[in-house]
C-alpha cells in the first residue's frame, strides 16, 4: 500500500497507509480510507475514513465527516467498492 504523510490536529506529522480513495459523484466530494496499522484483533485492522480537500495544488486537508446524510452516501459508495461496483 502507498504511504502518505498527514498532519494531525496537534501539528505533528504522521505516516499512514492509503488504503483507498474514491469520490462520491452526486455530492462532488472526495474521500480516503487510511490505516495506521492498528489491529482490532482476529485479523482485522482499524481504518479511518475522511473527506479530502485540496487547499492548493498538491496540498490536501483531511476533514472529518459530521453530516449524517453525507456519511450515508460515503457508506453506500464503500459498499459498492467492496461489491465491485
PDB file of N, CA and C in Angstrom:
ATOM      1  N   UNK A   1       0.833  -1.184   0.000  1.00  0.00           N
ATOM      2  CA  UNK A   1       0.000   0.000   0.000  1.00  0.00           C
ATOM      3  C   UNK A   1       0.878   1.248   0.000  1.00  0.00           C
ATOM      4  N   UNK A   2       0.313   2.281  -0.548  1.00  0.00           N
ATOM      5  CA  UNK A   2       1.023   3.556  -0.623  1.00  0.00           C
ATOM      6  C   UNK A   2       1.022   4.238   0.744  1.00  0.00           C
ATOM      7  N   UNK A   3       2.162   4.757   1.130  1.00  0.00           N
ATOM      8  CA  UNK A   3       2.287   5.514   2.380  1.00  0.00           C
ATOM      9  C   UNK A   3       2.196   7.001   2.060  1.00  0.00           C
ATOM     10  N   UNK A   4       1.445   7.714   2.894  1.00  0.00           N
ATOM     11  CA  UNK A   4       1.359   9.169   2.767  1.00  0.00           C
ATOM     12  C   UNK A   4       1.586   9.772   4.149  1.00  0.00           C
ATOM     13  N   UNK A   5       1.933  11.037   4.184  1.00  0.00           N
ATOM     14  CA  UNK A   5       2.130  11.741   5.448  1.00  0.00           C
ATOM     15  C   UNK A   5       0.982  12.714   5.647  1.00  0.00           C
ATOM     16  N   UNK A   6       0.383  12.652   6.825  1.00  0.00           N
ATOM     17  CA  UNK A   6      -0.713  13.558   7.157  1.00  0.00           C
ATOM     18  C   UNK A   6      -0.320  14.397   8.359  1.00  0.00           C
ATOM     19  N   UNK A   7      -0.892  15.579   8.423  1.00  0.00           N
ATOM     20  CA  UNK A   7      -0.652  16.475   9.557  1.00  0.00           C
ATOM     21  C   UNK A   7      -1.815  16.320  10.523  1.00  0.00           C
ATOM     22  N   UNK A   8      -1.511  15.964  11.750  1.00  0.00           N
ATOM     23  CA  UNK A   8      -2.536  15.791  12.774  1.00  0.00           C
ATOM     24  C   UNK A   8      -3.017  17.139  13.295  1.00  0.00           C
ATOM     25  N   UNK A   9      -4.129  17.110  14.019  1.00  0.00           N
ATOM     26  CA  UNK A   9      -4.714  18.326  14.576  1.00  0.00           C
ATOM     27  C   UNK A   9      -3.734  19.065  15.479  1.00  0.00           C
ATOM     28  N   UNK A  10      -2.836  18.322  16.157  1.00  0.00           N
ATOM     29  CA  UNK A  10      -1.880  18.958  17.066  1.00  0.00           C
ATOM     30  C   UNK A  10      -0.622  19.449  16.344  1.00  0.00           C
ATOM     31  N   UNK A  11      -0.605  19.319  15.007  1.00  0.00           N
ATOM     32  CA  UNK A  11       0.509  19.820  14.218  1.00  0.00           C
ATOM     33  C   UNK A  11       1.597  18.795  13.941  1.00  0.00           C
ATOM     34  N   UNK A  12       1.526  17.630  14.588  1.00  0.00           N
ATOM     35  CA  UNK A  12       2.521  16.589  14.340  1.00  0.00           C
ATOM     36  C   UNK A  12       2.247  15.909  13.001  1.00  0.00           C
ATOM     37  N   UNK A  13       3.295  15.373  12.406  1.00  0.00           N
ATOM     38  CA  UNK A  13       3.180  14.671  11.134  1.00  0.00           C
ATOM     39  C   UNK A  13       3.180  13.171  11.409  1.00  0.00           C
ATOM     40  N   UNK A  14       2.388  12.439  10.620  1.00  0.00           N
ATOM     41  CA  UNK A  14       2.280  11.001  10.814  1.00  0.00           C
ATOM     42  C   UNK A  14       2.201  10.302   9.464  1.00  0.00           C
ATOM     43  N   UNK A  15       2.953   9.214   9.315  1.00  0.00           N
ATOM     44  CA  UNK A  15       2.908   8.428   8.091  1.00  0.00           C
ATOM     45  C   UNK A  15       1.822   7.364   8.244  1.00  0.00           C
ATOM     46  N   UNK A  16       0.923   7.283   7.264  1.00  0.00           N
ATOM     47  CA  UNK A  16      -0.184   6.330   7.281  1.00  0.00           C
ATOM     48  C   UNK A  16      -0.246   5.625   5.928  1.00  0.00           C
ATOM     49  N   UNK A  17      -0.988   4.529   5.885  1.00  0.00           N
ATOM     50  CA  UNK A  17      -1.183   3.805   4.638  1.00  0.00           C
ATOM     51  C   UNK A  17      -2.471   4.278   3.976  1.00  0.00           C
ATOM     52  N   UNK A  18      -2.389   4.594   2.697  1.00  0.00           N
ATOM     53  CA  UNK A  18      -3.567   4.956   1.913  1.00  0.00           C
ATOM     54  C   UNK A  18      -4.188   3.653   1.422  1.00  0.00           C
ATOM     55  N   UNK A  19      -5.301   3.249   2.010  1.00  0.00           N
ATOM     56  CA  UNK A  19      -5.969   2.004   1.660  1.00  0.00           C
ATOM     57  C   UNK A  19      -6.725   2.173   0.346  1.00  0.00           C
ATOM     58  N   UNK A  20      -7.455   3.288   0.228  1.00  0.00           N
ATOM     59  CA  UNK A  20      -8.239   3.548  -0.977  1.00  0.00           C
ATOM     60  C   UNK A  20      -8.642   5.017  -0.989  1.00  0.00           C
ATOM     61  N   UNK A  21      -8.931   5.501  -2.163  1.00  0.00           N
ATOM     62  CA  UNK A  21      -9.511   6.834  -2.308  1.00  0.00           C
ATOM     63  C   UNK A  21     -10.636   6.716  -3.320  1.00  0.00           C
ATOM     64  N   UNK A  22     -11.667   7.522  -3.134  1.00  0.00           N
ATOM     65  CA  UNK A  22     -12.827   7.447  -4.018  1.00  0.00           C
ATOM     66  C   UNK A  22     -13.590   8.755  -3.958  1.00  0.00           C
ATOM     67  N   UNK A  23     -14.424   8.968  -4.976  1.00  0.00           N
ATOM     68  CA  UNK A  23     -15.271  10.161  -4.961  1.00  0.00           C
ATOM     69  C   UNK A  23     -16.723   9.730  -4.932  1.00  0.00           C
ATOM     70  N   UNK A  24     -17.550  10.593  -4.375  1.00  0.00           N
ATOM     71  CA  UNK A  24     -18.992  10.394  -4.373  1.00  0.00           C
ATOM     72  C   UNK A  24     -19.541  11.450  -5.324  1.00  0.00           C
ATOM     73  N   UNK A  25     -19.849  10.988  -6.528  1.00  0.00           N
ATOM     74  CA  UNK A  25     -20.181  11.907  -7.619  1.00  0.00           C
ATOM     75  C   UNK A  25     -21.414  12.778  -7.355  1.00  0.00           C
ATOM     76  N   UNK A  26     -22.448  12.213  -6.737  1.00  0.00           N
ATOM     77  CA  UNK A  26     -23.676  13.008  -6.573  1.00  0.00           C
ATOM     78  C   UNK A  26     -23.543  14.155  -5.579  1.00  0.00           C
ATOM     79  N   UNK A  27     -22.467  14.148  -4.767  1.00  0.00           N
ATOM     80  CA  UNK A  27     -22.213  15.297  -3.891  1.00  0.00           C
ATOM     81  C   UNK A  27     -20.889  15.977  -4.238  1.00  0.00           C
ATOM     82  N   UNK A  28     -20.193  15.439  -5.262  1.00  0.00           N
ATOM     83  CA  UNK A  28     -18.953  16.022  -5.778  1.00  0.00           C
ATOM     84  C   UNK A  28     -17.902  16.232  -4.673  1.00  0.00           C
ATOM     85  N   UNK A  29     -17.646  15.144  -3.909  1.00  0.00           N
ATOM     86  CA  UNK A  29     -16.657  15.203  -2.837  1.00  0.00           C
ATOM     87  C   UNK A  29     -15.748  13.980  -2.915  1.00  0.00           C
ATOM     88  N   UNK A  30     -14.516  14.132  -2.432  1.00  0.00           N
ATOM     89  CA  UNK A  30     -13.519  13.059  -2.459  1.00  0.00           C
ATOM     90  C   UNK A  30     -13.223  12.585  -1.042  1.00  0.00           C
ATOM     91  N   UNK A  31     -12.986  11.271  -0.918  1.00  0.00           N
ATOM     92  CA  UNK A  31     -12.762  10.654   0.382  1.00  0.00           C
ATOM     93  C   UNK A  31     -11.577   9.698   0.322  1.00  0.00           C
ATOM     94  N   UNK A  32     -10.970   9.434   1.484  1.00  0.00           N
ATOM     95  CA  UNK A  32      -9.878   8.476   1.596  1.00  0.00           C
ATOM     96  C   UNK A  32     -10.157   7.518   2.748  1.00  0.00           C
ATOM     97  N   UNK A  33      -9.606   6.314   2.600  1.00  0.00           N
ATOM     98  CA  UNK A  33      -9.603   5.327   3.678  1.00  0.00           C
ATOM     99  C   UNK A  33      -8.135   5.143   4.045  1.00  0.00           C
ATOM    100  N   UNK A  34      -7.812   5.399   5.317  1.00  0.00           N
ATOM    101  CA  UNK A  34      -6.426   5.346   5.800  1.00  0.00           C
ATOM    102  C   UNK A  34      -6.284   4.310   6.903  1.00  0.00           C
ATOM    103  N   UNK A  35      -5.068   3.776   7.046  1.00  0.00           N
ATOM    104  CA  UNK A  35      -4.755   2.849   8.123  1.00  0.00           C
ATOM    105  C   UNK A  35      -3.478   3.304   8.816  1.00  0.00           C
ATOM    106  N   UNK A  36      -3.470   3.157  10.134  1.00  0.00           N
ATOM    107  CA  UNK A  36      -2.267   3.438  10.922  1.00  0.00           C
ATOM    108  C   UNK A  36      -1.615   2.134  11.386  1.00  0.00           C
ATOM    109  N   UNK A  37      -2.085   1.005  10.838  1.00  0.00           N
ATOM    110  CA  UNK A  37      -1.543  -0.295  11.212  1.00  0.00           C
ATOM    111  C   UNK A  37      -2.026  -0.793  12.561  1.00  0.00           C
ATOM    112  N   UNK A  38      -3.153  -0.249  13.038  1.00  0.00           N
ATOM    113  CA  UNK A  38      -3.702  -0.648  14.339  1.00  0.00           C
ATOM    114  C   UNK A  38      -4.582  -1.886  14.164  1.00  0.00           C
ATOM    115  N   UNK A  39      -4.343  -2.884  14.989  1.00  0.00           N
ATOM    116  CA  UNK A  39      -5.098  -4.131  14.909  1.00  0.00           C
ATOM    117  C   UNK A  39      -6.327  -4.073  15.810  1.00  0.00           C
ATOM    118  N   UNK A  40      -7.419  -4.659  15.297  1.00  0.00           N
ATOM    119  CA  UNK A  40      -8.624  -4.814  16.106  1.00  0.00           C
ATOM    120  C   UNK A  40      -8.770  -6.261  16.570  1.00  0.00           C
ATOM    121  N   UNK A  41      -7.758  -7.077  16.289  1.00  0.00           N
ATOM    122  CA  UNK A  41      -7.804  -8.488  16.643  1.00  0.00           C
ATOM    123  C   UNK A  41      -8.477  -9.304  15.549  1.00  0.00           C
ATOM    124  N   UNK A  42      -8.321 -10.585  15.610  1.00  0.00           N
ATOM    125  CA  UNK A  42      -8.927 -11.517  14.656  1.00  0.00           C
ATOM    126  C   UNK A  42      -8.641 -11.149  13.204  1.00  0.00           C
ATOM    127  N   UNK A  43      -7.438 -10.628  12.928  1.00  0.00           N
ATOM    128  CA  UNK A  43      -7.035 -10.319  11.562  1.00  0.00           C
ATOM    129  C   UNK A  43      -7.649  -9.058  10.975  1.00  0.00           C
ATOM    130  N   UNK A  44      -8.299  -8.256  11.805  1.00  0.00           N
ATOM    131  CA  UNK A  44      -8.932  -7.031  11.316  1.00  0.00           C
ATOM    132  C   UNK A  44      -8.092  -5.816  11.716  1.00  0.00           C
ATOM    133  N   UNK A  45      -8.106  -4.800  10.847  1.00  0.00           N
ATOM    134  CA  UNK A  45      -7.363  -3.565  11.109  1.00  0.00           C
ATOM    135  C   UNK A  45      -8.327  -2.400  11.241  1.00  0.00           C
ATOM    136  N   UNK A  46      -7.969  -1.450  12.082  1.00  0.00           N
ATOM    137  CA  UNK A  46      -8.744  -0.230  12.233  1.00  0.00           C
ATOM    138  C   UNK A  46      -8.429   0.689  11.055  1.00  0.00           C
ATOM    139  N   UNK A  47      -9.477   1.274  10.448  1.00  0.00           N
ATOM    140  CA  UNK A  47      -9.286   2.220   9.353  1.00  0.00           C
ATOM    141  C   UNK A  47      -9.982   3.533   9.689  1.00  0.00           C
ATOM    142  N   UNK A  48      -9.543   4.572   9.012  1.00  0.00           N
ATOM    143  CA  UNK A  48     -10.103   5.913   9.185  1.00  0.00           C
ATOM    144  C   UNK A  48     -10.619   6.379   7.831  1.00  0.00           C
ATOM    145  N   UNK A  49     -11.805   6.959   7.817  1.00  0.00           N
ATOM    146  CA  UNK A  49     -12.397   7.481   6.589  1.00  0.00           C
ATOM    147  C   UNK A  49     -12.552   8.980   6.770  1.00  0.00           C
ATOM    148  N   UNK A  50     -12.108   9.729   5.758  1.00  0.00           N
ATOM    149  CA  UNK A  50     -12.119  11.177   5.861  1.00  0.00           C
ATOM    150  C   UNK A  50     -12.359  11.803   4.498  1.00  0.00           C
ATOM    151  N   UNK A  51     -12.987  12.960   4.494  1.00  0.00           N
ATOM    152  CA  UNK A  51     -13.076  13.738   3.259  1.00  0.00           C
ATOM    153  C   UNK A  51     -11.713  14.382   3.033  1.00  0.00           C
ATOM    154  N   UNK A  52     -11.324  14.511   1.783  1.00  0.00           N
ATOM    155  CA  UNK A  52     -10.050  15.140   1.471  1.00  0.00           C
ATOM    156  C   UNK A  52     -10.303  16.345   0.566  1.00  0.00           C
ATOM    157  N   UNK A  53      -9.748  17.488   0.964  1.00  0.00           N
ATOM    158  CA  UNK A  53      -9.908  18.730   0.214  1.00  0.00           C
ATOM    159  C   UNK A  53      -8.547  19.213  -0.254  1.00  0.00           C
ATOM    160  N   UNK A  54      -8.476  19.674  -1.490  1.00  0.00           N
ATOM    161  CA  UNK A  54      -7.231  20.240  -1.994  1.00  0.00           C
ATOM    162  C   UNK A  54      -7.238  21.723  -1.662  1.00  0.00           C
ATOM    163  N   UNK A  55      -6.388  22.125  -0.719  1.00  0.00           N
ATOM    164  CA  UNK A  55      -6.335  23.521  -0.287  1.00  0.00           C
ATOM    165  C   UNK A  55      -5.630  24.395  -1.314  1.00  0.00           C
ATOM    166  N   UNK A  56      -4.616  23.843  -1.954  1.00  0.00           N
ATOM    167  CA  UNK A  56      -3.893  24.491  -3.039  1.00  0.00           C
ATOM    168  C   UNK A  56      -3.283  23.356  -3.839  1.00  0.00           C
ATOM    169  N   UNK A  57      -2.818  23.597  -5.032  1.00  0.00           N
ATOM    170  CA  UNK A  57      -2.297  22.487  -5.839  1.00  0.00           C
ATOM    171  C   UNK A  57      -1.266  21.639  -5.090  1.00  0.00           C
ATOM    172  N   UNK A  58      -1.600  20.357  -4.922  1.00  0.00           N
ATOM    173  CA  UNK A  58      -0.696  19.420  -4.263  1.00  0.00           C
ATOM    174  C   UNK A  58      -0.734  19.430  -2.755  1.00  0.00           C
ATOM    175  N   UNK A  59      -1.552  20.273  -2.140  1.00  0.00           N
ATOM    176  CA  UNK A  59      -1.666  20.344  -0.682  1.00  0.00           C
ATOM    177  C   UNK A  59      -3.093  19.980  -0.293  1.00  0.00           C
ATOM    178  N   UNK A  60      -3.213  18.908   0.508  1.00  0.00           N
ATOM    179  CA  UNK A  60      -4.528  18.373   0.845  1.00  0.00           C
ATOM    180  C   UNK A  60      -4.796  18.442   2.342  1.00  0.00           C
ATOM    181  N   UNK A  61      -6.082  18.536   2.677  1.00  0.00           N
ATOM    182  CA  UNK A  61      -6.512  18.612   4.067  1.00  0.00           C
ATOM    183  C   UNK A  61      -7.557  17.530   4.297  1.00  0.00           C
ATOM    184  N   UNK A  62      -7.432  16.788   5.411  1.00  0.00           N
ATOM    185  CA  UNK A  62      -8.426  15.787   5.776  1.00  0.00           C
ATOM    186  C   UNK A  62      -9.486  16.431   6.660  1.00  0.00           C
ATOM    187  N   UNK A  63     -10.747  16.128   6.365  1.00  0.00           N
ATOM    188  CA  UNK A  63     -11.866  16.715   7.097  1.00  0.00           C
ATOM    189  C   UNK A  63     -12.778  15.590   7.572  1.00  0.00           C
ATOM    190  N   UNK A  64     -13.098  15.594   8.852  1.00  0.00           N
ATOM    191  CA  UNK A  64     -13.998  14.581   9.404  1.00  0.00           C
ATOM    192  C   UNK A  64     -15.396  14.687   8.816  1.00  0.00           C
ATOM    193  N   UNK A  65     -16.078  13.568   8.759  1.00  0.00           N
ATOM    194  CA  UNK A  65     -17.447  13.523   8.226  1.00  0.00           C
ATOM    195  C   UNK A  65     -18.403  13.670   9.403  1.00  0.00           C
ATOM    196  N   UNK A  66     -19.101  14.790   9.461  1.00  0.00           N
ATOM    197  CA  UNK A  66     -20.001  15.038  10.579  1.00  0.00           C
ATOM    198  C   UNK A  66     -21.470  15.034  10.175  1.00  0.00           C
ATOM    199  N   UNK A  67     -21.752  15.213   8.894  1.00  0.00           N
ATOM    200  CA  UNK A  67     -23.124  15.251   8.398  1.00  0.00           C
ATOM    201  C   UNK A  67     -23.604  13.820   8.134  1.00  0.00           C
ATOM    202  N   UNK A  68     -24.688  13.423   8.792  1.00  0.00           N
ATOM    203  CA  UNK A  68     -25.191  12.050   8.682  1.00  0.00           C
ATOM    204  C   UNK A  68     -25.606  11.693   7.253  1.00  0.00           C
ATOM    205  N   UNK A  69     -26.172  12.629   6.502  1.00  0.00           N
ATOM    206  CA  UNK A  69     -26.583  12.322   5.126  1.00  0.00           C
ATOM    207  C   UNK A  69     -25.361  12.086   4.236  1.00  0.00           C
ATOM    208  N   UNK A  70     -24.285  12.827   4.456  1.00  0.00           N
ATOM    209  CA  UNK A  70     -23.047  12.600   3.701  1.00  0.00           C
ATOM    210  C   UNK A  70     -22.444  11.260   4.118  1.00  0.00           C
ATOM    211  N   UNK A  71     -22.442  10.965   5.411  1.00  0.00           N
ATOM    212  CA  UNK A  71     -21.905   9.695   5.888  1.00  0.00           C
ATOM    213  C   UNK A  71     -22.663   8.520   5.247  1.00  0.00           C
ATOM    214  N   UNK A  72     -23.984   8.639   5.104  1.00  0.00           N
ATOM    215  CA  UNK A  72     -24.777   7.588   4.458  1.00  0.00           C
ATOM    216  C   UNK A  72     -24.337   7.384   3.010  1.00  0.00           C
ATOM    217  N   UNK A  73     -24.058   8.467   2.298  1.00  0.00           N
ATOM    218  CA  UNK A  73     -23.598   8.368   0.909  1.00  0.00           C
ATOM    219  C   UNK A  73     -22.207   7.748   0.824  1.00  0.00           C
ATOM    220  N   UNK A  74     -21.344   8.080   1.776  1.00  0.00           N
ATOM    221  CA  UNK A  74     -19.999   7.505   1.822  1.00  0.00           C
ATOM    222  C   UNK A  74     -20.084   6.001   2.083  1.00  0.00           C
ATOM    223  N   UNK A  75     -20.917   5.598   3.029  1.00  0.00           N
ATOM    224  CA  UNK A  75     -21.076   4.170   3.324  1.00  0.00           C
ATOM    225  C   UNK A  75     -21.595   3.422   2.098  1.00  0.00           C
ATOM    226  N   UNK A  76     -22.524   4.016   1.369  1.00  0.00           N
ATOM    227  CA  UNK A  76     -23.057   3.388   0.163  1.00  0.00           C
ATOM    228  C   UNK A  76     -21.957   3.244  -0.896  1.00  0.00           C
ATOM    229  N   UNK A  77     -21.148   4.275  -1.065  1.00  0.00           N
ATOM    230  CA  UNK A  77     -20.049   4.221  -2.036  1.00  0.00           C
ATOM    231  C   UNK A  77     -19.038   3.141  -1.648  1.00  0.00           C
ATOM    232  N   UNK A  78     -18.727   3.009  -0.356  1.00  0.00           N
ATOM    233  CA  UNK A  78     -17.789   1.980   0.088  1.00  0.00           C
ATOM    234  C   UNK A  78     -18.367   0.588  -0.147  1.00  0.00           C
ATOM    235  N   UNK A  79     -19.668   0.443   0.099  1.00  0.00           N
ATOM    236  CA  UNK A  79     -20.321  -0.838  -0.136  1.00  0.00           C
ATOM    237  C   UNK A  79     -20.205  -1.219  -1.612  1.00  0.00           C
ATOM    238  N   UNK A  80     -20.385  -0.253  -2.511  1.00  0.00           N
ATOM    239  CA  UNK A  80     -20.277  -0.519  -3.940  1.00  0.00           C
ATOM    240  C   UNK A  80     -18.843  -0.891  -4.330  1.00  0.00           C
ATOM    241  N   UNK A  81     -17.848  -0.275  -3.682  1.00  0.00           N
ATOM    242  CA  UNK A  81     -16.451  -0.608  -3.956  1.00  0.00           C
ATOM    243  C   UNK A  81     -16.197  -2.066  -3.547  1.00  0.00           C
ATOM    244  N   UNK A  82     -16.659  -2.447  -2.372  1.00  0.00           N
ATOM    245  CA  UNK A  82     -16.452  -3.816  -1.876  1.00  0.00           C
ATOM    246  C   UNK A  82     -17.138  -4.833  -2.781  1.00  0.00           C
ATOM    247  N   UNK A  83     -18.322  -4.473  -3.290  1.00  0.00           N
ATOM    248  CA  UNK A  83     -19.081  -5.386  -4.147  1.00  0.00           C
ATOM    249  C   UNK A  83     -18.600  -5.343  -5.598  1.00  0.00           C
ATOM    250  N   UNK A  84     -17.611  -4.498  -5.870  1.00  0.00           N
ATOM    251  CA  UNK A  84     -17.038  -4.431  -7.212  1.00  0.00           C
ATOM    252  C   UNK A  84     -17.800  -3.555  -8.167  1.00  0.00           C
ATOM    253  N   UNK A  85     -18.586  -2.618  -7.629  1.00  0.00           N
ATOM    254  CA  UNK A  85     -19.400  -1.744  -8.473  1.00  0.00           C
ATOM    255  C   UNK A  85     -18.721  -0.473  -8.866  1.00  0.00           C
TER     256      UNK A  85
END
